[in-house]
Amino acid sequence: MTLVVLTKLLKTVVLRKDATILRQELPPLHEFTIKCRLTDLQHIAYCAFLKSEKISNGQAFLRSAQTFTCLCNHPKIMVRDRQSNAADAAAARRRASAALDASGTPSTPVAVDDESQRTEPGSIGYEDADLQVLSTGTTIDIDSSASASALADGWMRDTIDRYNDVGLLEHSYKMIVLMAILDACQQKGDKVLVFSRSIPTLDYVGEYLKQRNAAFIRMDGHTKMADRQRMIDLFNSEFSVDNIFLVSVHAGSLGVNMVTANRVVLLDLGWNPNHDEQAVARAYRYGQTKPVYVYRLYTYGTWEDKLYKSNVHKIGLAYRVIDEKNPGKHFTRKEMSEYFSEPPRNPASLLDARTFKEDDDVLAAVVSRHRNVIVDIGMQASLWHEDAEELTPMEIAAAHRQAEVEGEQDLGEQDSSGTQTLVRILGHPEPPRPQAPTGQLHR
């Protein structure tokens, strides 16, 4: 009932235009969620890291989320990410030590203006020179304290360091599925966009494609602005042999037209589901002449699974409040809140005997080759089906009457924007009013 009243209040201040009209004029859009198993190494490392870290709010939570995301993509990616963190920490300590030696007093941190030394806003991973060195396999000089904090983590010594071949593709079923998708698209002659929020992930995928002599283009936060349009034009050319485009979500999910691609792979998830929607829109937009297929890959039972459920909830909430739709509720609050819990060791397959030949021949080829590494495959569109259970006209009228009684004074006199009424309706305490200054202002 609360959302019904909230929808009415927002009607007067929100102008909503979505991509629904595109579906009427463009070829069909098919979105699949592919839930992959964890490999033995991933599961062991995941549980070891889960037990070694104190998961809490704030920076510790975000650092843990970053590590889990990289580990779910591939153990080698996680190792590189932690090496990069250690290298950055060591470099910061060296700069602080040099400044202290020069001046005798600690220096104030200075903002970096060079784009190549920045991390990509909101990204997982780093785009600095240290990581570029790591990606080529060159040893980087870091001090012993950095090594102790990251490269020699106890849980890593007991798990990942026992494997001499940690970089092999077989240590990540998600990467195996990705390469199977790329192979099937190559046979059909379809162009593919591969999006990731993790720069180490793009490094790993790019290196593997080079080993296979596969032609591809890559664009991330390091790519110069002057080069980006040239790369896009090259990819869109009908004569281009580069059928794979590796793209950083935050560098290439807005303002980019890649309609020659009709396959999109989303390798990892973030907190904001709109970034994924914008990534899909690079291919599914005016000018597209083929059906578009989207593959969202994530590991079953891990923190990615919980994050996906949270994102579904966010999109569903927007549909309910702004678009006045009534999508069904698919996940409980407990399922969405338990981000860090031990994943199942060997989950049962939910694929049954489905072959997906009628849905997508590329997906059918992937399933026929790697059915044993996939737990389940779902259709994204099925999550937005309207729920038949709606409020009756009498219940809607009662909700509006209750809101009018509770917020009449605020709506009519004190707050024309309706802010206080919304706060009261949503059940949160009313924010304190700003107090007038009691002393003299100094300028």
Foldseek 3Di string as FASTA:
>chain_A
DLLLQLLVLCVVPDDDDDCPVLCVPAFAAFEKEFAFAADPLLQLLQVLVLVVADQDDDPSPVVVVLLNQLSQLAVVLSLLQLVVVLQVVQVVVVVQVVVCVVPVDGDDDDDDPDLQQDAQVQFRGGRHPVSVCVLVVHDDDGDPVSCVVGVPPPSCVVGVVVDPPRLDQVNHVLSVLVVLLVVLCVVVVAAEEEEERYPSSVSSVVVVCVVVVAAAAEDESVDDPVCVVVVLVLCQDPPHSHRYYYYYLSGPLPPAANQSHQEYEYSADGQACVSVVSNQVNHSDPPHHDHHYYYYYGHPQALRVLSVLVNLVVVQSCCCNHVVFAFDRDDDPVSNPPNRDNGDDQDAAPDPPDQCVVPDVSSSSSCVVPVRRTRDMDIPVNRRDGDPDDDDPVVSVVLVVVLCVVCVCCCPPPPVSCPQSSCVSVPHDRDDDDDDDDDDDDD
